[in-house]
């Protein structure tokens, strides 16, 4: 269960780790979205990462290793 309030109906809670809630939010057609890290109940207290960019960075690291 999340520990911080998050009022977006499009987000799916993933897990809480080290007092941070993690969510995935996909766009309406499911082709792209964001990874959201929520640090508190304050609406602006979060970080958002574009999933497409995260996956590209991950794949590039795999080919280097």
Protein backbone atom coordinates (compact mmCIF):
# COMPACT_ATOMS: atom_id res chain seq x y z
CA UNK A 1 0.00 0.00 0.00
CA UNK A 2 1.25 3.50 -0.79
CA UNK A 3 2.24 5.75 2.10
CA UNK A 4 1.74 9.07 0.26
CA UNK A 5 -1.46 10.51 -1.19
CA UNK A 6 -1.59 10.40 -5.00
CA UNK A 7 -4.79 11.47 -6.75
CA UNK A 8 -4.21 10.47 -10.38
CA UNK A 9 -6.68 7.88 -11.71
CA UNK A 10 -4.29 6.93 -14.54
CA UNK A 11 -1.44 5.79 -12.29
CA UNK A 12 -0.86 2.26 -11.04
CA UNK A 13 0.91 1.85 -7.72
CA UNK A 14 3.98 -0.40 -7.99
CA UNK A 15 5.68 -0.43 -4.59
CA UNK A 16 7.07 1.60 -1.69
CA UNK A 17 10.80 1.53 -0.98
CA UNK A 18 12.83 3.76 1.35
CA UNK A 19 9.76 5.96 2.09
CA UNK A 20 9.16 6.57 -1.66
CA UNK A 21 6.05 5.41 -3.54
CA UNK A 22 6.54 4.25 -7.14
CA UNK A 23 3.83 4.48 -9.80
CA UNK A 24 3.53 3.76 -13.51
CA UNK A 25 1.31 6.09 -15.50
CA UNK A 26 0.59 5.11 -19.12
CA UNK A 27 -0.86 7.43 -21.73
CA UNK A 28 -4.34 6.70 -23.10
CA UNK A 29 -3.19 4.27 -25.82
CA UNK A 30 -0.63 2.53 -23.59
CA UNK A 31 2.32 3.23 -25.89
CA UNK A 32 4.22 5.57 -23.55
CA UNK A 33 4.07 6.92 -20.04
CA UNK A 34 6.01 7.80 -16.92
CA UNK A 35 7.60 6.29 -13.86
CA UNK A 36 6.62 8.50 -10.92
CA UNK A 37 8.39 8.63 -7.57
CA UNK A 38 6.26 10.27 -4.84
CA UNK A 39 8.16 11.57 -1.78
CA UNK A 40 5.30 13.06 0.29
CA UNK A 41 1.64 14.11 0.12
CA UNK A 42 2.58 17.49 -1.39
CA UNK A 43 1.42 17.59 -5.04
CA UNK A 44 4.77 18.93 -6.27
CA UNK A 45 6.94 16.55 -4.22
CA UNK A 46 7.58 13.95 -6.92
CA UNK A 47 9.89 13.06 -9.78
CA UNK A 48 8.72 11.81 -13.16
CA UNK A 49 10.75 9.87 -15.72
CA UNK A 50 9.64 9.19 -19.29
CA UNK A 51 9.36 5.39 -19.74
CA UNK A 52 10.56 5.51 -23.35
CA UNK A 53 13.79 7.25 -22.31
CA UNK A 54 14.33 4.90 -19.36
CA UNK A 55 13.97 1.85 -21.61
CA UNK A 56 16.32 3.26 -24.25
CA UNK A 57 18.95 4.01 -21.58
CA UNK A 58 18.52 0.50 -20.11
CA UNK A 59 18.88 -1.18 -23.51
CA UNK A 60 21.99 0.84 -24.32
CA UNK A 61 23.56 -0.22 -21.00
CA UNK A 62 22.80 -3.88 -21.79
CA UNK A 63 24.60 -3.69 -25.14
CA UNK A 64 27.65 -2.09 -23.51
CA UNK A 65 27.94 -4.78 -20.81
